[in-house]
N, C-alpha and C. Protein backbone atom coordinates (compact mmCIF):
# COMPACT_ATOMS: atom_id res chain seq x y z
N MET A 1 0.85 -1.15 0.00
CA MET A 1 0.00 -0.01 -0.01
C MET A 1 0.90 1.23 0.00
N ASN A 2 0.69 2.06 -1.05
CA ASN A 2 1.56 3.25 -1.17
C ASN A 2 0.85 4.56 -0.85
N TYR A 3 -0.49 4.54 -0.96
CA TYR A 3 -1.27 5.76 -0.75
C TYR A 3 -2.40 5.54 0.25
N CYS A 4 -2.75 6.60 0.97
CA CYS A 4 -3.81 6.53 2.00
C CYS A 4 -5.13 6.21 1.35
N ILE A 5 -5.85 5.28 1.92
CA ILE A 5 -7.18 4.88 1.44
C ILE A 5 -8.24 5.96 1.73
N GLU A 6 -7.94 6.88 2.59
CA GLU A 6 -8.88 7.96 2.97
C GLU A 6 -8.68 9.22 2.15
N CYS A 7 -7.42 9.67 2.10
CA CYS A 7 -7.18 10.97 1.45
C CYS A 7 -6.29 10.92 0.23
N GLY A 8 -5.64 9.78 -0.04
CA GLY A 8 -4.82 9.63 -1.22
C GLY A 8 -3.36 10.13 -1.06
N ASN A 9 -3.03 10.63 0.14
CA ASN A 9 -1.69 11.09 0.42
C ASN A 9 -0.70 9.95 0.34
N LYS A 10 0.56 10.23 -0.08
CA LYS A 10 1.55 9.21 -0.15
C LYS A 10 1.93 8.81 1.26
N LEU A 11 2.02 7.50 1.56
CA LEU A 11 2.26 6.96 2.85
C LEU A 11 3.81 6.92 3.09
N ILE A 12 4.18 7.03 4.36
CA ILE A 12 5.59 6.84 4.74
C ILE A 12 5.57 5.61 5.69
N LEU A 13 6.75 5.03 5.89
CA LEU A 13 6.85 3.96 6.89
C LEU A 13 7.24 4.56 8.22
N LYS A 14 6.52 4.15 9.28
CA LYS A 14 6.74 4.66 10.61
C LYS A 14 6.55 3.55 11.59
N GLU A 15 7.39 3.48 12.63
CA GLU A 15 7.22 2.44 13.60
C GLU A 15 5.94 2.66 14.40
N SER A 16 5.19 1.61 14.55
CA SER A 16 3.93 1.58 15.27
C SER A 16 4.13 0.83 16.60
N PHE A 17 3.58 1.36 17.65
CA PHE A 17 3.66 0.72 18.97
C PHE A 17 2.25 0.47 19.49
N ASN A 18 2.00 -0.72 19.98
CA ASN A 18 0.73 -1.15 20.58
C ASN A 18 1.01 -1.64 22.00
N CYS A 19 0.53 -0.91 22.98
CA CYS A 19 0.78 -1.25 24.40
C CYS A 19 2.28 -1.36 24.70
N GLY A 20 3.07 -0.43 24.12
CA GLY A 20 4.49 -0.38 24.31
C GLY A 20 5.32 -1.41 23.55
N ILE A 21 4.63 -2.25 22.72
CA ILE A 21 5.32 -3.27 21.93
C ILE A 21 5.28 -2.84 20.46
N SER A 22 6.44 -2.95 19.80
CA SER A 22 6.52 -2.52 18.43
C SER A 22 5.79 -3.47 17.46
N ASP A 23 4.96 -2.92 16.56
CA ASP A 23 4.35 -3.68 15.46
C ASP A 23 5.27 -3.64 14.23
N GLY A 24 6.38 -2.95 14.37
CA GLY A 24 7.29 -2.81 13.25
C GLY A 24 7.01 -1.58 12.43
N MET A 25 7.54 -1.54 11.26
CA MET A 25 7.38 -0.38 10.38
C MET A 25 6.04 -0.58 9.63
N VAL A 26 5.13 0.39 9.74
CA VAL A 26 3.82 0.33 9.20
C VAL A 26 3.53 1.56 8.33
N PRO A 27 2.84 1.43 7.20
CA PRO A 27 2.48 2.59 6.41
C PRO A 27 1.73 3.59 7.25
N PHE A 28 2.08 4.88 7.11
CA PHE A 28 1.49 5.91 7.94
C PHE A 28 1.15 7.09 7.08
N CYS A 29 -0.02 7.74 7.29
CA CYS A 29 -0.48 8.89 6.56
C CYS A 29 -0.16 10.10 7.41
N THR A 30 0.70 11.00 6.98
CA THR A 30 1.03 12.19 7.70
C THR A 30 -0.11 13.23 7.69
N LYS A 31 -1.00 13.17 6.66
CA LYS A 31 -2.07 14.10 6.57
C LYS A 31 -3.25 13.71 7.56
N CYS A 32 -3.57 12.40 7.57
CA CYS A 32 -4.63 11.92 8.44
C CYS A 32 -4.14 11.60 9.85
N ASN A 33 -2.79 11.50 9.97
CA ASN A 33 -2.12 11.14 11.21
C ASN A 33 -2.64 9.76 11.70
N GLU A 34 -2.68 8.82 10.73
CA GLU A 34 -3.18 7.45 11.03
C GLU A 34 -2.27 6.41 10.40
N PHE A 35 -2.11 5.30 11.08
CA PHE A 35 -1.44 4.16 10.47
C PHE A 35 -2.42 3.45 9.54
N ARG A 36 -1.91 2.95 8.43
CA ARG A 36 -2.76 2.26 7.43
C ARG A 36 -2.23 0.80 7.31
N PHE A 37 -2.75 -0.01 8.20
CA PHE A 37 -2.35 -1.41 8.21
C PHE A 37 -2.81 -2.08 6.93
N PRO A 38 -2.02 -3.06 6.42
CA PRO A 38 -2.40 -3.76 5.19
C PRO A 38 -3.83 -4.33 5.27
N MET A 39 -4.55 -4.25 4.16
CA MET A 39 -5.92 -4.75 4.12
C MET A 39 -6.01 -5.85 3.05
N PHE A 40 -6.80 -6.88 3.34
CA PHE A 40 -6.99 -7.90 2.43
C PHE A 40 -8.35 -8.54 2.73
N ASN A 41 -8.83 -9.41 1.83
CA ASN A 41 -10.09 -10.06 2.01
C ASN A 41 -9.92 -11.36 2.81
N GLY A 42 -10.97 -11.72 3.54
CA GLY A 42 -11.03 -13.03 4.17
C GLY A 42 -11.95 -13.92 3.40
N ALA A 43 -11.53 -15.15 3.19
CA ALA A 43 -12.35 -16.12 2.40
C ALA A 43 -12.26 -17.48 3.03
N VAL A 44 -13.28 -18.28 2.78
CA VAL A 44 -13.29 -19.66 3.22
C VAL A 44 -13.37 -20.57 2.02
N SER A 45 -12.79 -21.74 2.15
CA SER A 45 -12.79 -22.76 1.16
C SER A 45 -13.07 -24.10 1.84
N SER A 46 -13.67 -25.02 1.13
CA SER A 46 -14.08 -26.26 1.82
C SER A 46 -13.84 -27.50 0.96
N VAL A 47 -13.25 -28.47 1.63
CA VAL A 47 -13.13 -29.80 1.02
C VAL A 47 -14.32 -30.56 1.65
N ILE A 48 -15.38 -30.73 0.83
CA ILE A 48 -16.63 -31.26 1.37
C ILE A 48 -16.65 -32.79 1.09
N TYR A 49 -16.83 -33.56 2.20
CA TYR A 49 -16.96 -35.01 2.10
C TYR A 49 -18.36 -35.46 2.49
N ASN A 50 -18.72 -36.58 1.95
CA ASN A 50 -19.96 -37.23 2.35
C ASN A 50 -19.79 -37.85 3.76
N LYS A 51 -20.81 -38.51 4.28
CA LYS A 51 -20.81 -39.00 5.67
C LYS A 51 -19.61 -39.92 5.97
N ASP A 52 -19.32 -40.88 5.05
CA ASP A 52 -18.26 -41.82 5.31
C ASP A 52 -16.90 -41.45 4.68
N PHE A 53 -16.80 -40.24 4.20
CA PHE A 53 -15.52 -39.72 3.65
C PHE A 53 -15.09 -40.49 2.42
N SER A 54 -16.01 -41.16 1.75
CA SER A 54 -15.68 -41.91 0.52
C SER A 54 -15.82 -41.08 -0.73
N LYS A 55 -16.50 -39.94 -0.65
CA LYS A 55 -16.72 -39.09 -1.81
C LYS A 55 -16.48 -37.63 -1.38
N THR A 56 -16.04 -36.87 -2.38
CA THR A 56 -15.86 -35.43 -2.16
C THR A 56 -16.53 -34.64 -3.31
N LEU A 57 -16.97 -33.46 -2.97
CA LEU A 57 -17.66 -32.62 -3.94
C LEU A 57 -16.74 -31.67 -4.64
N LEU A 58 -16.75 -31.65 -5.99
CA LEU A 58 -16.03 -30.69 -6.78
C LEU A 58 -17.05 -29.87 -7.58
N VAL A 59 -16.74 -28.63 -7.79
CA VAL A 59 -17.67 -27.75 -8.54
C VAL A 59 -16.90 -27.03 -9.63
N GLN A 60 -17.66 -26.50 -10.61
CA GLN A 60 -17.13 -25.61 -11.65
C GLN A 60 -17.90 -24.33 -11.59
N GLN A 61 -17.20 -23.22 -11.78
CA GLN A 61 -17.85 -21.91 -11.63
C GLN A 61 -17.33 -20.95 -12.76
N TYR A 62 -18.13 -19.94 -13.04
CA TYR A 62 -17.73 -18.82 -13.87
C TYR A 62 -17.27 -19.22 -15.28
N GLY A 63 -17.83 -20.33 -15.79
CA GLY A 63 -17.55 -20.77 -17.12
C GLY A 63 -16.12 -21.28 -17.37
N ARG A 64 -15.43 -21.56 -16.33
CA ARG A 64 -14.00 -21.92 -16.44
C ARG A 64 -13.81 -23.43 -16.73
N GLY A 65 -14.75 -24.29 -16.46
CA GLY A 65 -14.63 -25.70 -16.83
C GLY A 65 -13.52 -26.46 -16.10
N VAL A 66 -13.18 -25.99 -14.88
CA VAL A 66 -12.19 -26.72 -14.08
C VAL A 66 -12.84 -27.05 -12.74
N ASN A 67 -12.46 -28.20 -12.16
CA ASN A 67 -13.03 -28.68 -10.93
C ASN A 67 -12.28 -28.08 -9.72
N ILE A 68 -13.01 -27.36 -8.94
CA ILE A 68 -12.46 -26.69 -7.75
C ILE A 68 -13.30 -26.99 -6.52
N LEU A 69 -13.04 -26.28 -5.43
CA LEU A 69 -13.76 -26.47 -4.17
C LEU A 69 -14.75 -25.31 -3.99
N VAL A 70 -15.78 -25.60 -3.16
CA VAL A 70 -16.75 -24.55 -2.83
C VAL A 70 -15.98 -23.54 -1.93
N ALA A 71 -16.13 -22.25 -2.25
CA ALA A 71 -15.44 -21.21 -1.52
C ALA A 71 -16.23 -19.90 -1.63
N GLY A 72 -15.89 -18.97 -0.73
CA GLY A 72 -16.55 -17.66 -0.75
C GLY A 72 -15.97 -16.72 0.25
N TYR A 73 -16.34 -15.49 0.14
CA TYR A 73 -15.84 -14.42 1.00
C TYR A 73 -16.56 -14.37 2.32
N VAL A 74 -15.79 -13.91 3.32
CA VAL A 74 -16.37 -13.73 4.64
C VAL A 74 -16.99 -12.29 4.67
N ASN A 75 -18.26 -12.23 5.05
CA ASN A 75 -18.92 -10.93 5.13
C ASN A 75 -18.49 -10.19 6.41
N LYS A 76 -18.62 -8.90 6.37
CA LYS A 76 -18.34 -8.05 7.53
C LYS A 76 -19.18 -8.49 8.71
N GLY A 77 -18.55 -8.72 9.85
CA GLY A 77 -19.25 -9.13 11.04
C GLY A 77 -19.42 -10.66 11.16
N GLU A 78 -18.99 -11.36 10.19
CA GLU A 78 -19.21 -12.85 10.14
C GLU A 78 -17.93 -13.55 10.59
N THR A 79 -18.09 -14.68 11.28
CA THR A 79 -16.90 -15.50 11.58
C THR A 79 -16.58 -16.41 10.43
N LEU A 80 -15.41 -16.99 10.43
CA LEU A 80 -15.07 -17.92 9.39
C LEU A 80 -16.03 -19.09 9.36
N GLU A 81 -16.40 -19.55 10.57
CA GLU A 81 -17.32 -20.72 10.64
C GLU A 81 -18.69 -20.41 10.07
N GLU A 82 -19.17 -19.23 10.38
CA GLU A 82 -20.48 -18.80 9.85
C GLU A 82 -20.44 -18.67 8.36
N ALA A 83 -19.37 -18.11 7.83
CA ALA A 83 -19.21 -17.95 6.39
C ALA A 83 -19.16 -19.33 5.69
N LEU A 84 -18.45 -20.25 6.29
CA LEU A 84 -18.32 -21.59 5.77
C LEU A 84 -19.64 -22.28 5.61
N VAL A 85 -20.43 -22.29 6.69
CA VAL A 85 -21.76 -22.96 6.67
C VAL A 85 -22.68 -22.21 5.65
N ARG A 86 -22.63 -20.88 5.66
CA ARG A 86 -23.50 -20.12 4.75
C ARG A 86 -23.15 -20.36 3.28
N GLU A 87 -21.89 -20.29 2.96
CA GLU A 87 -21.44 -20.48 1.57
C GLU A 87 -21.84 -21.84 1.01
N ILE A 88 -21.67 -22.87 1.85
CA ILE A 88 -21.99 -24.24 1.42
C ILE A 88 -23.48 -24.40 1.21
N LYS A 89 -24.25 -23.84 2.15
CA LYS A 89 -25.73 -23.93 2.02
C LYS A 89 -26.23 -23.16 0.82
N GLU A 90 -25.69 -21.91 0.60
CA GLU A 90 -26.10 -21.08 -0.51
C GLU A 90 -25.78 -21.68 -1.88
N GLU A 91 -24.56 -22.17 -2.00
CA GLU A 91 -24.09 -22.66 -3.31
C GLU A 91 -24.50 -24.12 -3.68
N THR A 92 -24.68 -24.92 -2.60
CA THR A 92 -24.96 -26.36 -2.89
C THR A 92 -26.24 -26.87 -2.25
N GLY A 93 -26.81 -26.15 -1.29
CA GLY A 93 -27.96 -26.63 -0.56
C GLY A 93 -27.65 -27.67 0.49
N LEU A 94 -26.34 -27.99 0.66
CA LEU A 94 -25.94 -29.02 1.60
C LEU A 94 -25.90 -28.45 3.04
N ILE A 95 -26.20 -29.34 4.01
CA ILE A 95 -26.19 -29.01 5.41
C ILE A 95 -24.93 -29.56 6.03
N VAL A 96 -24.13 -28.69 6.63
CA VAL A 96 -22.91 -29.07 7.25
C VAL A 96 -23.18 -29.79 8.58
N SER A 97 -22.56 -30.97 8.79
CA SER A 97 -22.79 -31.65 10.03
C SER A 97 -21.57 -31.49 10.91
N SER A 98 -20.36 -31.34 10.34
CA SER A 98 -19.20 -31.07 11.12
C SER A 98 -18.10 -30.50 10.23
N TYR A 99 -17.12 -29.84 10.82
CA TYR A 99 -15.97 -29.30 10.07
C TYR A 99 -14.81 -29.13 10.98
N LYS A 100 -13.61 -29.09 10.39
CA LYS A 100 -12.42 -28.79 11.16
C LYS A 100 -11.49 -28.06 10.25
N PHE A 101 -10.69 -27.20 10.82
CA PHE A 101 -9.72 -26.43 10.06
C PHE A 101 -8.72 -27.34 9.36
N ASN A 102 -8.39 -27.00 8.10
CA ASN A 102 -7.41 -27.81 7.34
C ASN A 102 -6.13 -27.03 7.10
N ALA A 103 -6.20 -25.82 6.49
CA ALA A 103 -5.02 -25.05 6.14
C ALA A 103 -5.46 -23.64 5.71
N SER A 104 -4.44 -22.77 5.59
CA SER A 104 -4.75 -21.45 5.08
C SER A 104 -3.58 -21.03 4.22
N LYS A 105 -3.90 -20.08 3.26
CA LYS A 105 -2.89 -19.57 2.36
C LYS A 105 -3.31 -18.25 1.82
N TYR A 106 -2.38 -17.35 1.71
CA TYR A 106 -2.66 -16.08 1.09
C TYR A 106 -2.67 -16.27 -0.42
N PHE A 107 -3.72 -15.76 -1.07
CA PHE A 107 -3.90 -15.89 -2.51
C PHE A 107 -3.83 -14.52 -3.18
N GLU A 108 -2.68 -14.26 -3.81
CA GLU A 108 -2.40 -12.93 -4.31
C GLU A 108 -3.38 -12.45 -5.36
N LYS A 109 -3.89 -13.33 -6.25
CA LYS A 109 -4.74 -12.91 -7.33
C LYS A 109 -5.95 -12.18 -6.82
N SER A 110 -6.53 -12.56 -5.70
CA SER A 110 -7.69 -11.90 -5.13
C SER A 110 -7.40 -11.14 -3.83
N ASN A 111 -6.12 -11.04 -3.46
CA ASN A 111 -5.69 -10.38 -2.28
C ASN A 111 -6.48 -10.89 -1.09
N SER A 112 -6.50 -12.22 -0.97
CA SER A 112 -7.33 -12.88 0.05
C SER A 112 -6.54 -13.86 0.86
N LEU A 113 -6.88 -13.92 2.15
CA LEU A 113 -6.39 -15.00 2.99
C LEU A 113 -7.49 -16.05 2.96
N ILE A 114 -7.14 -17.22 2.40
CA ILE A 114 -8.18 -18.28 2.24
C ILE A 114 -7.92 -19.27 3.34
N CYS A 115 -9.00 -19.51 4.12
CA CYS A 115 -8.97 -20.44 5.23
C CYS A 115 -9.80 -21.71 4.80
N ASN A 116 -9.15 -22.80 4.74
CA ASN A 116 -9.77 -24.01 4.24
C ASN A 116 -10.19 -24.95 5.37
N PHE A 117 -11.31 -25.58 5.21
CA PHE A 117 -11.86 -26.49 6.20
C PHE A 117 -12.17 -27.80 5.55
N ILE A 118 -12.04 -28.91 6.31
CA ILE A 118 -12.56 -30.23 5.98
C ILE A 118 -13.94 -30.30 6.50
N VAL A 119 -14.90 -30.55 5.65
CA VAL A 119 -16.34 -30.47 5.94
C VAL A 119 -17.00 -31.84 5.71
N ASN A 120 -17.86 -32.19 6.62
CA ASN A 120 -18.66 -33.41 6.49
C ASN A 120 -20.11 -32.92 6.44
N VAL A 121 -20.89 -33.42 5.42
CA VAL A 121 -22.25 -32.97 5.25
C VAL A 121 -23.23 -34.15 5.53
N GLU A 122 -24.46 -33.76 5.82
CA GLU A 122 -25.53 -34.74 6.22
C GLU A 122 -25.87 -35.69 5.13
N ASN A 123 -25.93 -35.20 3.85
CA ASN A 123 -26.28 -36.12 2.75
C ASN A 123 -25.66 -35.56 1.48
N GLU A 124 -25.93 -36.29 0.36
CA GLU A 124 -25.35 -35.89 -0.90
C GLU A 124 -26.32 -35.22 -1.85
N ASN A 125 -27.44 -34.71 -1.34
CA ASN A 125 -28.49 -34.09 -2.14
C ASN A 125 -28.12 -32.62 -2.46
N LEU A 126 -27.69 -32.44 -3.73
CA LEU A 126 -27.27 -31.13 -4.17
C LEU A 126 -28.42 -30.34 -4.73
N HIS A 127 -28.41 -29.02 -4.41
CA HIS A 127 -29.37 -28.03 -4.95
C HIS A 127 -28.51 -26.80 -5.20
N THR A 128 -27.84 -26.74 -6.34
CA THR A 128 -26.93 -25.64 -6.58
C THR A 128 -27.63 -24.36 -6.98
N ASN A 129 -26.95 -23.24 -6.77
CA ASN A 129 -27.50 -21.91 -7.13
C ASN A 129 -26.81 -21.49 -8.43
N SER A 130 -27.08 -20.23 -8.86
CA SER A 130 -26.58 -19.76 -10.14
C SER A 130 -25.06 -19.52 -10.15
N GLU A 131 -24.40 -19.57 -8.98
CA GLU A 131 -22.96 -19.38 -8.93
C GLU A 131 -22.22 -20.66 -9.41
N ILE A 132 -22.91 -21.79 -9.39
CA ILE A 132 -22.34 -23.06 -9.71
C ILE A 132 -22.72 -23.48 -11.11
N ASP A 133 -21.75 -23.73 -11.99
CA ASP A 133 -22.03 -24.20 -13.33
C ASP A 133 -22.26 -25.74 -13.37
N PHE A 134 -21.50 -26.41 -12.53
CA PHE A 134 -21.56 -27.88 -12.50
C PHE A 134 -21.04 -28.34 -11.17
N ALA A 135 -21.66 -29.36 -10.61
CA ALA A 135 -21.20 -29.94 -9.34
C ALA A 135 -21.39 -31.43 -9.42
N LYS A 136 -20.43 -32.16 -8.83
CA LYS A 136 -20.57 -33.60 -8.88
C LYS A 136 -19.78 -34.19 -7.67
N TRP A 137 -20.37 -35.26 -7.15
CA TRP A 137 -19.64 -36.06 -6.13
C TRP A 137 -18.69 -37.02 -6.81
N TYR A 138 -17.45 -37.06 -6.37
CA TYR A 138 -16.44 -37.96 -6.93
C TYR A 138 -15.95 -38.83 -5.81
N THR A 139 -15.53 -40.08 -6.14
CA THR A 139 -14.80 -40.87 -5.15
C THR A 139 -13.49 -40.12 -4.91
N VAL A 140 -12.85 -40.40 -3.81
CA VAL A 140 -11.62 -39.72 -3.48
C VAL A 140 -10.59 -39.93 -4.59
N GLU A 141 -10.51 -41.16 -5.10
CA GLU A 141 -9.57 -41.49 -6.16
C GLU A 141 -9.86 -40.70 -7.41
N GLU A 142 -11.17 -40.60 -7.78
CA GLU A 142 -11.56 -39.80 -8.97
C GLU A 142 -11.23 -38.32 -8.72
N ALA A 143 -11.51 -37.82 -7.54
CA ALA A 143 -11.22 -36.41 -7.22
C ALA A 143 -9.75 -36.07 -7.41
N ARG A 144 -8.89 -37.00 -7.00
CA ARG A 144 -7.43 -36.77 -7.18
C ARG A 144 -7.12 -36.52 -8.64
N ARG A 145 -7.79 -37.21 -9.57
CA ARG A 145 -7.55 -37.09 -10.97
C ARG A 145 -8.26 -35.84 -11.55
N GLU A 146 -9.44 -35.52 -11.04
CA GLU A 146 -10.31 -34.54 -11.66
C GLU A 146 -10.12 -33.11 -11.16
N ILE A 147 -9.52 -32.98 -9.99
CA ILE A 147 -9.36 -31.61 -9.41
C ILE A 147 -8.39 -30.83 -10.28
N TYR A 148 -8.62 -29.50 -10.35
CA TYR A 148 -7.74 -28.60 -11.13
C TYR A 148 -6.29 -28.71 -10.63
N LYS A 149 -5.43 -29.18 -11.55
CA LYS A 149 -4.05 -29.41 -11.18
C LYS A 149 -3.25 -28.14 -10.89
N ALA A 150 -2.33 -28.27 -9.96
CA ALA A 150 -1.44 -27.17 -9.57
C ALA A 150 -2.22 -25.96 -9.05
N SER A 151 -3.37 -26.20 -8.46
CA SER A 151 -4.23 -25.10 -7.95
C SER A 151 -4.24 -25.12 -6.47
N LEU A 152 -4.74 -24.04 -5.90
CA LEU A 152 -4.93 -24.00 -4.45
C LEU A 152 -5.94 -25.05 -4.02
N ALA A 153 -6.93 -25.28 -4.86
CA ALA A 153 -7.94 -26.31 -4.55
C ALA A 153 -7.26 -27.66 -4.41
N GLU A 154 -6.37 -28.01 -5.33
CA GLU A 154 -5.69 -29.30 -5.22
C GLU A 154 -4.81 -29.33 -3.99
N GLU A 155 -4.13 -28.25 -3.69
CA GLU A 155 -3.24 -28.23 -2.49
C GLU A 155 -4.06 -28.47 -1.24
N PHE A 156 -5.20 -27.80 -1.09
CA PHE A 156 -6.08 -28.01 0.13
C PHE A 156 -6.62 -29.42 0.10
N PHE A 157 -7.03 -29.92 -1.03
CA PHE A 157 -7.61 -31.27 -1.09
C PHE A 157 -6.56 -32.31 -0.65
N LEU A 158 -5.36 -32.26 -1.18
CA LEU A 158 -4.31 -33.18 -0.82
C LEU A 158 -3.95 -33.12 0.66
N LYS A 159 -3.93 -31.91 1.20
CA LYS A 159 -3.65 -31.74 2.66
C LYS A 159 -4.82 -32.37 3.48
N SER A 160 -6.03 -32.23 2.98
CA SER A 160 -7.14 -32.91 3.70
C SER A 160 -7.02 -34.40 3.78
N LEU A 161 -6.50 -35.02 2.70
CA LEU A 161 -6.36 -36.49 2.65
C LEU A 161 -5.41 -36.95 3.78
N ASN A 162 -4.36 -36.21 4.05
CA ASN A 162 -3.45 -36.57 5.16
C ASN A 162 -4.19 -36.48 6.51
N LYS A 163 -5.09 -35.49 6.62
CA LYS A 163 -5.75 -35.30 7.91
C LYS A 163 -6.88 -36.30 8.14
N ILE A 164 -7.47 -36.82 7.03
CA ILE A 164 -8.54 -37.80 7.28
C ILE A 164 -8.07 -39.24 7.24
N ALA A 165 -6.72 -39.40 7.10
CA ALA A 165 -6.15 -40.76 7.11
C ALA A 165 -6.65 -41.48 8.37
N GLY A 166 -7.13 -42.68 8.23
CA GLY A 166 -7.65 -43.49 9.33
C GLY A 166 -9.16 -43.35 9.40
N VAL A 167 -9.73 -42.26 8.85
CA VAL A 167 -11.22 -42.15 8.79
C VAL A 167 -11.65 -42.74 7.44
N TYR A 168 -10.88 -42.48 6.43
CA TYR A 168 -11.20 -42.96 5.07
C TYR A 168 -10.21 -44.04 4.68
N THR A 169 -10.74 -45.16 4.18
CA THR A 169 -9.89 -46.20 3.63
C THR A 169 -10.23 -46.38 2.17
N PRO A 170 -9.23 -46.23 1.31
CA PRO A 170 -9.48 -46.37 -0.16
C PRO A 170 -10.04 -47.72 -0.50
N ALA A 171 -10.86 -47.80 -1.50
CA ALA A 171 -11.42 -49.03 -2.00
C ALA A 171 -10.29 -49.82 -2.66
N LYS A 172 -10.33 -51.17 -2.52
CA LYS A 172 -9.27 -52.00 -3.09
C LYS A 172 -9.72 -52.64 -4.36
């Protein structure tokens, strides 16, 4: 951030202190006399599994034709958990029965911190909204092949497999 979001003045770096402890060098507006801490979006992403963890849901959006995970932005005043449940319900009609944190990563293209969760849903009955072009349940083995390669979705999916080891046993 090079310019103040309020007045447009060029920012300088100035050491910021909070309760006597340094936050380091932070952009500062000399006109507004305010620190301008970096801003970014909060988002949730979900590796959605059916009850027995034998299938996972992949979706396609925005005419891109690649299989990714259900994701969305966190609204002002909303927790990550609330956004997770809301996004899944809005986009797929699925009811979340449980979830646990999987991983997070900053995604530069959208200036977002994406927080990913492993989600278990009550059933596999999909009712997608207009944001979803295509949605399908895949076996875990199929999902490994079908998920968008070298994507953040694939990275989160593969991390989830390590965390559900012992819960899910591949078919022989």
